[in-house]
Amino acid sequence: MSKHLPIKVYKRQNSTAVGRLLKDTLKDLWGSHFLAWQLAKRDISAQYRQSYLGILWLFITPVASALIWIILKSSGTVTIADTGMPYPVYAFSGTLIWSILLESINSPTQSTNASRSILTKINFPKEALVLSGVYKLLFNSSVKVILLILFVFVFGVGFHWSLLLVPLALLGAVMVGTALGLLLTPIGLLYNDISRLTTMGLSLIMYLTPVVYGIPKSGIMKTVMTYNPFTPLITTTRALAVGDVPEQWVYYSILMVVGLLLLIFSLMIYRRAIPVIVERLSA
């Protein structure tokens, strides 16, 4: 009897491999939450243990950034159109949300880079590093949200039921930022230039986003700022904080769907890439 060689359908195998990769990624992400929490607690404790001001540093950066623009506006150095709310609330909410977004983009690379020593020595789910960065980010963000609420009340905006949705809107910003950061992490571990380019690029993008001033009524800057994907992350959260109806809620909703899909994709890329990078780092 003649023996037939097995037939392999590569397209189906690739599809199965992607499904298995996604399943394993989500399984390890969920299974590593205890380790991630322990790593997060260790890093949070170490971050403030040798600092005199401690947790106050979470407030200092966004407050200082907003204060500069408040002084520039009040002194007449810069002219800013009416924002529809007290300018201190507008400036502080923008700088605070932007700082959370920046931190979420940088978090995956920083968490993975800080664990280089154990990556090359201990075999553990690498997703724990991503999750620990998210835990630290949520801790820092929760403190900043408290300060934002205080600003809203101090400057006379008052309580609105939409204020309760602000944490959910910020979670959306964290998700999008983390997805982008995960895509940059593998190459960022190999080349420090990526981190520097990211920092420089985001500094420039901030001026194309309504962080401290509003979207112009006309002109090319209106088009750029309106369709800037970072814009709805800022404007939607800010509108909810002061009780306004978010003008870009459709754009924001689309961005959340795309961000979720991008997060899943970037997690799979991260899972595949990190073992290769660890092998290269330990060579």
C-alpha atoms as a PDB file:
ATOM      1  CA  MET A   1       0.000   0.000   0.000  1.00  0.00           C
ATOM      2  CA  SER A   2       1.226   3.445  -0.811  1.00  0.00           C
ATOM      3  CA  LYS A   3       1.575   5.951   1.967  1.00  0.00           C
ATOM      4  CA  HIS A   4       0.293   9.444   1.466  1.00  0.00           C
ATOM      5  CA  LEU A   5       2.047  12.400   2.987  1.00  0.00           C
ATOM      6  CA  PRO A   6      -0.085  14.529   5.318  1.00  0.00           C
ATOM      7  CA  ILE A   7      -1.607  17.587   3.708  1.00  0.00           C
ATOM      8  CA  LYS A   8      -0.954  20.868   5.508  1.00  0.00           C
ATOM      9  CA  VAL A   9      -3.154  23.869   4.958  1.00  0.00           C
ATOM     10  CA  TYR A  10      -0.942  26.751   5.977  1.00  0.00           C
ATOM     11  CA  LYS A  11      -3.662  29.364   5.920  1.00  0.00           C
ATOM     12  CA  ARG A  12      -5.703  27.438   8.462  1.00  0.00           C
ATOM     13  CA  GLN A  13      -2.657  26.770  10.639  1.00  0.00           C
ATOM     14  CA  ASN A  14      -1.790  30.452  10.672  1.00  0.00           C
ATOM     15  CA  SER A  15      -5.345  31.282  11.683  1.00  0.00           C
ATOM     16  CA  THR A  16      -5.189  28.676  14.447  1.00  0.00           C
ATOM     17  CA  ALA A  17      -1.823  30.035  15.601  1.00  0.00           C
ATOM     18  CA  VAL A  18      -3.228  33.555  15.874  1.00  0.00           C
ATOM     19  CA  GLY A  19      -6.203  32.261  17.855  1.00  0.00           C
ATOM     20  CA  ARG A  20      -3.941  30.298  20.177  1.00  0.00           C
ATOM     21  CA  LEU A  21      -1.655  33.313  20.605  1.00  0.00           C
ATOM     22  CA  LEU A  22      -4.614  35.502  21.553  1.00  0.00           C
ATOM     23  CA  LYS A  23      -5.932  32.877  23.970  1.00  0.00           C
ATOM     24  CA  ASP A  24      -2.538  32.409  25.641  1.00  0.00           C
ATOM     25  CA  THR A  25      -2.006  36.160  25.853  1.00  0.00           C
ATOM     26  CA  LEU A  26      -5.338  36.812  27.568  1.00  0.00           C
ATOM     27  CA  LYS A  27      -4.873  33.777  29.821  1.00  0.00           C
ATOM     28  CA  ASP A  28      -1.439  34.929  31.030  1.00  0.00           C
ATOM     29  CA  LEU A  29      -2.654  38.513  31.353  1.00  0.00           C
ATOM     30  CA  TRP A  30      -5.434  37.394  33.693  1.00  0.00           C
ATOM     31  CA  GLY A  31      -3.299  34.825  35.509  1.00  0.00           C
ATOM     32  CA  SER A  32      -0.495  37.268  36.260  1.00  0.00           C
ATOM     33  CA  HIS A  33      -2.586  39.866  38.083  1.00  0.00           C
ATOM     34  CA  PHE A  34      -1.257  38.861  41.537  1.00  0.00           C
ATOM     35  CA  LEU A  35       2.375  39.112  40.418  1.00  0.00           C
ATOM     36  CA  ALA A  36       1.598  42.384  38.639  1.00  0.00           C
ATOM     37  CA  TRP A  37       0.020  43.821  41.791  1.00  0.00           C
ATOM     38  CA  GLN A  38       3.049  42.859  43.882  1.00  0.00           C
ATOM     39  CA  LEU A  39       5.397  44.481  41.365  1.00  0.00           C
ATOM     40  CA  ALA A  40       3.232  47.600  41.284  1.00  0.00           C
ATOM     41  CA  LYS A  41       3.190  47.909  45.085  1.00  0.00           C
ATOM     42  CA  ARG A  42       6.956  47.483  45.191  1.00  0.00           C
ATOM     43  CA  ASP A  43       7.524  50.171  42.567  1.00  0.00           C
ATOM     44  CA  ILE A  44       5.033  52.630  44.086  1.00  0.00           C
ATOM     45  CA  SER A  45       6.629  52.221  47.496  1.00  0.00           C
ATOM     46  CA  ALA A  46      10.144  52.621  46.093  1.00  0.00           C
ATOM     47  CA  GLN A  47       9.084  55.636  44.032  1.00  0.00           C
ATOM     48  CA  TYR A  48       8.128  57.710  47.068  1.00  0.00           C
ATOM     49  CA  ARG A  49      10.252  56.144  49.834  1.00  0.00           C
ATOM     50  CA  GLN A  50      13.250  58.446  49.293  1.00  0.00           C
ATOM     51  CA  SER A  51      11.256  61.512  48.289  1.00  0.00           C
ATOM     52  CA  TYR A  52      10.559  64.289  50.791  1.00  0.00           C
ATOM     53  CA  LEU A  53       7.464  65.512  48.938  1.00  0.00           C
ATOM     54  CA  GLY A  54       6.343  61.956  48.163  1.00  0.00           C
ATOM     55  CA  ILE A  55       2.952  61.691  46.503  1.00  0.00           C
ATOM     56  CA  LEU A  56       2.750  65.482  46.111  1.00  0.00           C
ATOM     57  CA  TRP A  57       4.886  65.086  42.982  1.00  0.00           C
ATOM     58  CA  LEU A  58       1.785  63.720  41.258  1.00  0.00           C
ATOM     59  CA  PHE A  59       0.217  67.170  41.697  1.00  0.00           C
ATOM     60  CA  ILE A  60       3.221  69.384  41.120  1.00  0.00           C
ATOM     61  CA  THR A  61       3.775  68.748  37.398  1.00  0.00           C
ATOM     62  CA  PRO A  62       0.206  69.332  36.105  1.00  0.00           C
ATOM     63  CA  VAL A  63      -0.357  72.229  38.527  1.00  0.00           C
ATOM     64  CA  ALA A  64       2.916  73.902  37.501  1.00  0.00           C
ATOM     65  CA  SER A  65       2.153  73.452  33.791  1.00  0.00           C
ATOM     66  CA  ALA A  66      -1.344  74.884  34.170  1.00  0.00           C
ATOM     67  CA  LEU A  67      -0.107  77.720  36.376  1.00  0.00           C
ATOM     68  CA  ILE A  68       2.325  78.878  33.692  1.00  0.00           C
ATOM     69  CA  TRP A  69      -0.471  79.219  31.140  1.00  0.00           C
ATOM     70  CA  ILE A  70      -2.818  80.839  33.650  1.00  0.00           C
ATOM     71  CA  ILE A  71      -0.171  83.484  34.390  1.00  0.00           C
ATOM     72  CA  LEU A  72       0.559  84.017  30.685  1.00  0.00           C
ATOM     73  CA  LYS A  73      -3.146  84.539  29.980  1.00  0.00           C
ATOM     74  CA  SER A  74      -3.883  86.758  32.977  1.00  0.00           C
ATOM     75  CA  SER A  75      -0.840  88.957  32.253  1.00  0.00           C
ATOM     76  CA  GLY A  76      -1.884  89.397  28.627  1.00  0.00           C
ATOM     77  CA  THR A  77       1.301  87.766  27.314  1.00  0.00           C
ATOM     78  CA  VAL A  78      -0.817  85.334  25.313  1.00  0.00           C
ATOM     79  CA  THR A  79      -4.389  85.817  24.127  1.00  0.00           C
ATOM     80  CA  ILE A  80      -6.678  82.808  24.468  1.00  0.00           C
ATOM     81  CA  ALA A  81     -10.233  82.789  23.190  1.00  0.00           C
ATOM     82  CA  ASP A  82     -13.152  82.105  25.495  1.00  0.00           C
ATOM     83  CA  THR A  83     -13.100  78.462  26.602  1.00  0.00           C
ATOM     84  CA  GLY A  84     -16.660  78.338  27.941  1.00  0.00           C
ATOM     85  CA  MET A  85     -15.488  77.651  31.494  1.00  0.00           C
ATOM     86  CA  PRO A  86     -13.133  79.211  34.065  1.00  0.00           C
ATOM     87  CA  TYR A  87      -9.715  79.141  32.397  1.00  0.00           C
ATOM     88  CA  PRO A  88      -7.914  77.627  35.439  1.00  0.00           C
ATOM     89  CA  VAL A  89     -10.265  74.617  35.190  1.00  0.00           C
ATOM     90  CA  TYR A  90      -9.728  74.425  31.427  1.00  0.00           C
ATOM     91  CA  ALA A  91      -5.932  74.613  31.637  1.00  0.00           C
ATOM     92  CA  PHE A  92      -5.556  72.318  34.620  1.00  0.00           C
ATOM     93  CA  SER A  93      -7.934  69.661  33.299  1.00  0.00           C
ATOM     94  CA  GLY A  94      -6.119  69.693  29.958  1.00  0.00           C
ATOM     95  CA  THR A  95      -2.630  69.379  31.429  1.00  0.00           C
ATOM     96  CA  LEU A  96      -3.770  66.723  33.897  1.00  0.00           C
ATOM     97  CA  ILE A  97      -5.456  64.567  31.239  1.00  0.00           C
ATOM     98  CA  TRP A  98      -2.453  65.028  28.946  1.00  0.00           C
ATOM     99  CA  SER A  99      -0.066  63.929  31.721  1.00  0.00           C
ATOM    100  CA  ILE A 100      -2.112  60.751  32.233  1.00  0.00           C
ATOM    101  CA  LEU A 101      -2.048  60.083  28.501  1.00  0.00           C
ATOM    102  CA  LEU A 102       1.722  60.589  28.340  1.00  0.00           C
ATOM    103  CA  GLU A 103       2.257  58.328  31.319  1.00  0.00           C
ATOM    104  CA  SER A 104       0.140  55.583  29.763  1.00  0.00           C
ATOM    105  CA  ILE A 105       2.168  55.736  26.522  1.00  0.00           C
ATOM    106  CA  ASN A 106       5.487  55.582  28.373  1.00  0.00           C
ATOM    107  CA  SER A 107       4.408  53.032  30.988  1.00  0.00           C
ATOM    108  CA  PRO A 108       4.898  49.756  29.017  1.00  0.00           C
ATOM    109  CA  THR A 109       8.448  50.653  27.962  1.00  0.00           C
ATOM    110  CA  GLN A 110       9.399  51.918  31.411  1.00  0.00           C
ATOM    111  CA  SER A 111       7.974  48.878  33.228  1.00  0.00           C
ATOM    112  CA  THR A 112       9.649  46.424  30.860  1.00  0.00           C
ATOM    113  CA  ASN A 113      12.935  48.307  30.786  1.00  0.00           C
ATOM    114  CA  ALA A 114      13.045  48.481  34.601  1.00  0.00           C
ATOM    115  CA  SER A 115      12.758  44.682  34.754  1.00  0.00           C
ATOM    116  CA  ARG A 116      15.568  43.843  32.336  1.00  0.00           C
ATOM    117  CA  SER A 117      17.575  42.123  35.046  1.00  0.00           C
ATOM    118  CA  ILE A 118      14.854  39.611  35.900  1.00  0.00           C
ATOM    119  CA  LEU A 119      13.707  39.185  32.290  1.00  0.00           C
ATOM    120  CA  THR A 120      16.973  37.470  31.422  1.00  0.00           C
ATOM    121  CA  LYS A 121      17.015  35.276  34.544  1.00  0.00           C
ATOM    122  CA  ILE A 122      13.455  34.309  35.468  1.00  0.00           C
ATOM    123  CA  ASN A 123      10.741  32.809  33.298  1.00  0.00           C
ATOM    124  CA  PHE A 124       7.396  34.420  34.113  1.00  0.00           C
ATOM    125  CA  PRO A 125       4.449  35.836  32.128  1.00  0.00           C
ATOM    126  CA  LYS A 126       5.749  39.024  30.559  1.00  0.00           C
ATOM    127  CA  GLU A 127       2.198  40.395  30.563  1.00  0.00           C
ATOM    128  CA  ALA A 128       2.673  40.926  34.313  1.00  0.00           C
ATOM    129  CA  LEU A 129       4.997  43.835  33.508  1.00  0.00           C
ATOM    130  CA  VAL A 130       2.362  45.510  31.357  1.00  0.00           C
ATOM    131  CA  LEU A 131      -0.323  44.964  33.978  1.00  0.00           C
ATOM    132  CA  SER A 132       1.883  46.264  36.783  1.00  0.00           C
ATOM    133  CA  GLY A 133       2.439  49.443  34.770  1.00  0.00           C
ATOM    134  CA  VAL A 134      -1.328  49.813  34.367  1.00  0.00           C
ATOM    135  CA  TYR A 135      -1.836  49.361  38.125  1.00  0.00           C
ATOM    136  CA  LYS A 136       0.721  52.077  38.879  1.00  0.00           C
ATOM    137  CA  LEU A 137      -0.889  54.318  36.303  1.00  0.00           C
ATOM    138  CA  LEU A 138      -4.358  53.817  37.796  1.00  0.00           C
ATOM    139  CA  PHE A 139      -3.015  54.637  41.255  1.00  0.00           C
ATOM    140  CA  ASN A 140      -1.377  57.844  40.043  1.00  0.00           C
ATOM    141  CA  SER A 141      -4.431  58.781  37.972  1.00  0.00           C
ATOM    142  CA  SER A 142      -6.847  58.282  40.859  1.00  0.00           C
ATOM    143  CA  VAL A 143      -4.906  60.807  42.916  1.00  0.00           C
ATOM    144  CA  LYS A 144      -4.957  63.299  40.031  1.00  0.00           C
ATOM    145  CA  VAL A 145      -8.715  62.844  39.549  1.00  0.00           C
ATOM    146  CA  ILE A 146      -9.266  63.873  43.170  1.00  0.00           C
ATOM    147  CA  LEU A 147      -7.345  67.084  42.509  1.00  0.00           C
ATOM    148  CA  LEU A 148      -9.352  67.703  39.331  1.00  0.00           C
ATOM    149  CA  ILE A 149     -12.599  67.406  41.287  1.00  0.00           C
ATOM    150  CA  LEU A 150     -11.281  69.915  43.821  1.00  0.00           C
ATOM    151  CA  PHE A 151     -10.494  72.369  40.987  1.00  0.00           C
ATOM    152  CA  VAL A 152     -14.002  71.956  39.601  1.00  0.00           C
ATOM    153  CA  PHE A 153     -15.562  72.912  42.947  1.00  0.00           C
ATOM    154  CA  VAL A 154     -13.066  75.608  43.951  1.00  0.00           C
ATOM    155  CA  PHE A 155     -13.597  77.558  40.723  1.00  0.00           C
ATOM    156  CA  GLY A 156     -17.374  77.459  40.949  1.00  0.00           C
ATOM    157  CA  VAL A 157     -18.263  74.877  38.296  1.00  0.00           C
ATOM    158  CA  GLY A 158     -20.043  72.733  40.869  1.00  0.00           C
ATOM    159  CA  PHE A 159     -21.294  69.159  40.822  1.00  0.00           C
ATOM    160  CA  HIS A 160     -22.727  67.542  37.709  1.00  0.00           C
ATOM    161  CA  TRP A 161     -23.756  63.911  37.343  1.00  0.00           C
ATOM    162  CA  SER A 162     -21.445  63.610  34.348  1.00  0.00           C
ATOM    163  CA  LEU A 163     -18.552  64.091  36.769  1.00  0.00           C
ATOM    164  CA  LEU A 164     -19.070  60.453  37.776  1.00  0.00           C
ATOM    165  CA  LEU A 165     -18.184  59.406  34.222  1.00  0.00           C
ATOM    166  CA  VAL A 166     -14.784  61.108  34.277  1.00  0.00           C
ATOM    167  CA  PRO A 167     -12.934  57.998  35.589  1.00  0.00           C
ATOM    168  CA  LEU A 168     -14.439  55.930  32.763  1.00  0.00           C
ATOM    169  CA  ALA A 169     -13.375  58.505  30.182  1.00  0.00           C
ATOM    170  CA  LEU A 170      -9.864  58.504  31.630  1.00  0.00           C
ATOM    171  CA  LEU A 171      -9.797  54.700  31.430  1.00  0.00           C
ATOM    172  CA  GLY A 172     -10.392  55.098  27.716  1.00  0.00           C
ATOM    173  CA  ALA A 173      -7.412  57.429  27.456  1.00  0.00           C
ATOM    174  CA  VAL A 174      -5.292  54.966  29.433  1.00  0.00           C
ATOM    175  CA  MET A 175      -6.328  52.133  27.101  1.00  0.00           C
ATOM    176  CA  VAL A 176      -5.418  54.038  23.941  1.00  0.00           C
ATOM    177  CA  GLY A 177      -2.142  55.264  25.438  1.00  0.00           C
ATOM    178  CA  THR A 178      -1.175  51.788  26.645  1.00  0.00           C
ATOM    179  CA  ALA A 179      -1.902  50.290  23.216  1.00  0.00           C
ATOM    180  CA  LEU A 180       0.357  52.854  21.542  1.00  0.00           C
ATOM    181  CA  GLY A 181       3.044  52.354  24.180  1.00  0.00           C
ATOM    182  CA  LEU A 182       2.992  48.568  23.741  1.00  0.00           C
ATOM    183  CA  LEU A 183       3.632  48.933  20.017  1.00  0.00           C
ATOM    184  CA  LEU A 184       6.687  51.079  20.750  1.00  0.00           C
ATOM    185  CA  THR A 185       8.051  48.924  23.568  1.00  0.00           C
ATOM    186  CA  PRO A 186       9.874  46.153  21.633  1.00  0.00           C
ATOM    187  CA  ILE A 187      11.891  48.539  19.486  1.00  0.00           C
ATOM    188  CA  GLY A 188      12.207  50.977  22.390  1.00  0.00           C
ATOM    189  CA  LEU A 189      14.016  48.319  24.432  1.00  0.00           C
ATOM    190  CA  LEU A 190      16.577  47.897  21.681  1.00  0.00           C
ATOM    191  CA  TYR A 191      17.089  51.552  20.815  1.00  0.00           C
ATOM    192  CA  ASN A 192      16.979  54.371  23.361  1.00  0.00           C
ATOM    193  CA  ASP A 193      16.393  56.817  20.514  1.00  0.00           C
ATOM    194  CA  ILE A 194      12.772  55.678  20.309  1.00  0.00           C
ATOM    195  CA  SER A 195      12.032  56.916  23.819  1.00  0.00           C
ATOM    196  CA  ARG A 196      13.615  60.281  23.079  1.00  0.00           C
ATOM    197  CA  LEU A 197      11.808  60.638  19.775  1.00  0.00           C
ATOM    198  CA  THR A 198       8.517  59.726  21.456  1.00  0.00           C
ATOM    199  CA  THR A 199       9.017  62.359  24.154  1.00  0.00           C
ATOM    200  CA  MET A 200       9.925  65.024  21.581  1.00  0.00           C
ATOM    201  CA  GLY A 201       7.078  64.073  19.261  1.00  0.00           C
ATOM    202  CA  LEU A 202       4.449  64.137  22.003  1.00  0.00           C
ATOM    203  CA  SER A 203       5.699  67.534  23.179  1.00  0.00           C
ATOM    204  CA  LEU A 204       5.025  68.879  19.691  1.00  0.00           C
ATOM    205  CA  ILE A 205       1.667  67.107  19.384  1.00  0.00           C
ATOM    206  CA  MET A 206       0.492  68.768  22.606  1.00  0.00           C
ATOM    207  CA  TYR A 207       0.397  72.106  20.766  1.00  0.00           C
ATOM    208  CA  LEU A 208      -1.851  70.507  18.123  1.00  0.00           C
ATOM    209  CA  THR A 209      -4.260  69.339  20.835  1.00  0.00           C
ATOM    210  CA  PRO A 210      -6.687  71.530  22.852  1.00  0.00           C
ATOM    211  CA  VAL A 211      -4.805  71.079  26.106  1.00  0.00           C
ATOM    212  CA  VAL A 212      -4.404  74.718  27.180  1.00  0.00           C
ATOM    213  CA  TYR A 213      -6.293  76.533  24.395  1.00  0.00           C
ATOM    214  CA  GLY A 214      -9.378  75.774  22.380  1.00  0.00           C
ATOM    215  CA  ILE A 215      -9.853  74.669  18.785  1.00  0.00           C
ATOM    216  CA  PRO A 216      -9.812  77.692  16.419  1.00  0.00           C
ATOM    217  CA  LYS A 217     -13.019  78.641  14.641  1.00  0.00           C
ATOM    218  CA  SER A 218     -11.456  78.329  11.182  1.00  0.00           C
ATOM    219  CA  GLY A 219      -8.225  77.662   9.337  1.00  0.00           C
ATOM    220  CA  ILE A 220      -5.919  74.707   8.915  1.00  0.00           C
ATOM    221  CA  MET A 221      -5.325  74.450  12.662  1.00  0.00           C
ATOM    222  CA  LYS A 222      -9.033  73.885  13.174  1.00  0.00           C
ATOM    223  CA  THR A 223      -8.891  70.896  10.805  1.00  0.00           C
ATOM    224  CA  VAL A 224      -5.688  69.504  12.344  1.00  0.00           C
ATOM    225  CA  MET A 225      -6.898  69.827  15.932  1.00  0.00           C
ATOM    226  CA  THR A 226     -10.392  68.537  15.175  1.00  0.00           C
ATOM    227  CA  TYR A 227      -9.179  65.314  13.561  1.00  0.00           C
ATOM    228  CA  ASN A 228      -6.211  64.833  15.884  1.00  0.00           C
ATOM    229  CA  PRO A 229      -6.968  61.462  17.598  1.00  0.00           C
ATOM    230  CA  PHE A 230      -5.753  62.827  20.928  1.00  0.00           C
ATOM    231  CA  THR A 231      -8.305  65.654  20.824  1.00  0.00           C
ATOM    232  CA  PRO A 232     -11.448  63.658  21.762  1.00  0.00           C
ATOM    233  CA  LEU A 233      -9.561  62.059  24.662  1.00  0.00           C
ATOM    234  CA  ILE A 234      -9.026  65.540  26.107  1.00  0.00           C
ATOM    235  CA  THR A 235     -12.270  67.282  25.150  1.00  0.00           C
ATOM    236  CA  THR A 236     -14.620  64.455  26.128  1.00  0.00           C
ATOM    237  CA  THR A 237     -13.119  64.008  29.586  1.00  0.00           C
ATOM    238  CA  ARG A 238     -13.022  67.763  30.179  1.00  0.00           C
ATOM    239  CA  ALA A 239     -16.644  68.198  29.069  1.00  0.00           C
ATOM    240  CA  LEU A 240     -17.812  65.479  31.455  1.00  0.00           C
ATOM    241  CA  ALA A 241     -15.878  67.098  34.308  1.00  0.00           C
ATOM    242  CA  VAL A 242     -17.689  70.428  33.923  1.00  0.00           C
ATOM    243  CA  GLY A 243     -21.111  69.098  32.933  1.00  0.00           C
ATOM    244  CA  ASP A 244     -21.002  69.934  29.227  1.00  0.00           C
ATOM    245  CA  VAL A 245     -22.194  67.663  26.430  1.00  0.00           C
ATOM    246  CA  PRO A 246     -19.114  66.190  24.686  1.00  0.00           C
ATOM    247  CA  GLU A 247     -19.085  67.472  21.101  1.00  0.00           C
ATOM    248  CA  GLN A 248     -16.858  64.665  19.843  1.00  0.00           C
ATOM    249  CA  TRP A 249     -18.543  61.721  21.539  1.00  0.00           C
ATOM    250  CA  VAL A 250     -18.956  59.862  18.219  1.00  0.00           C
ATOM    251  CA  TYR A 251     -15.256  60.280  17.409  1.00  0.00           C
ATOM    252  CA  TYR A 252     -14.430  59.263  20.991  1.00  0.00           C
ATOM    253  CA  SER A 253     -16.595  56.123  20.723  1.00  0.00           C
ATOM    254  CA  ILE A 254     -14.928  55.100  17.456  1.00  0.00           C
ATOM    255  CA  LEU A 255     -11.547  55.714  19.048  1.00  0.00           C
ATOM    256  CA  MET A 256     -12.450  53.414  21.948  1.00  0.00           C
ATOM    257  CA  VAL A 257     -13.302  50.553  19.588  1.00  0.00           C
ATOM    258  CA  VAL A 258     -10.122  51.070  17.564  1.00  0.00           C
ATOM    259  CA  GLY A 259      -8.118  51.422  20.782  1.00  0.00           C
ATOM    260  CA  LEU A 260      -9.430  48.129  22.152  1.00  0.00           C
ATOM    261  CA  LEU A 261      -8.577  46.276  18.940  1.00  0.00           C
ATOM    262  CA  LEU A 262      -5.160  47.942  18.875  1.00  0.00           C
ATOM    263  CA  LEU A 263      -4.567  46.960  22.504  1.00  0.00           C
ATOM    264  CA  ILE A 264      -5.290  43.296  21.765  1.00  0.00           C
ATOM    265  CA  PHE A 265      -3.067  43.380  18.685  1.00  0.00           C
ATOM    266  CA  SER A 266      -0.213  45.123  20.506  1.00  0.00           C
ATOM    267  CA  LEU A 267      -0.409  42.632  23.403  1.00  0.00           C
ATOM    268  CA  MET A 268       0.108  39.782  20.946  1.00  0.00           C
ATOM    269  CA  ILE A 269       3.026  41.610  19.318  1.00  0.00           C
ATOM    270  CA  TYR A 270       4.493  42.205  22.776  1.00  0.00           C
ATOM    271  CA  ARG A 271       4.178  38.523  23.689  1.00  0.00           C
ATOM    272  CA  ARG A 272       5.936  37.431  20.509  1.00  0.00           C
ATOM    273  CA  ALA A 273       8.636  40.100  20.519  1.00  0.00           C
ATOM    274  CA  ILE A 274       9.783  40.185  24.147  1.00  0.00           C
ATOM    275  CA  PRO A 275      11.305  36.625  24.249  1.00  0.00           C
ATOM    276  CA  VAL A 276      13.369  37.462  21.151  1.00  0.00           C
ATOM    277  CA  ILE A 277      14.530  40.743  22.676  1.00  0.00           C
ATOM    278  CA  VAL A 278      15.344  39.051  25.993  1.00  0.00           C
ATOM    279  CA  GLU A 279      17.496  36.519  24.130  1.00  0.00           C
ATOM    280  CA  ARG A 280      19.302  39.345  22.353  1.00  0.00           C
ATOM    281  CA  LEU A 281      19.816  41.294  25.577  1.00  0.00           C
ATOM    282  CA  SER A 282      21.266  38.264  27.358  1.00  0.00           C
ATOM    283  CA  ALA A 283      23.613  37.393  24.482  1.00  0.00           C
END
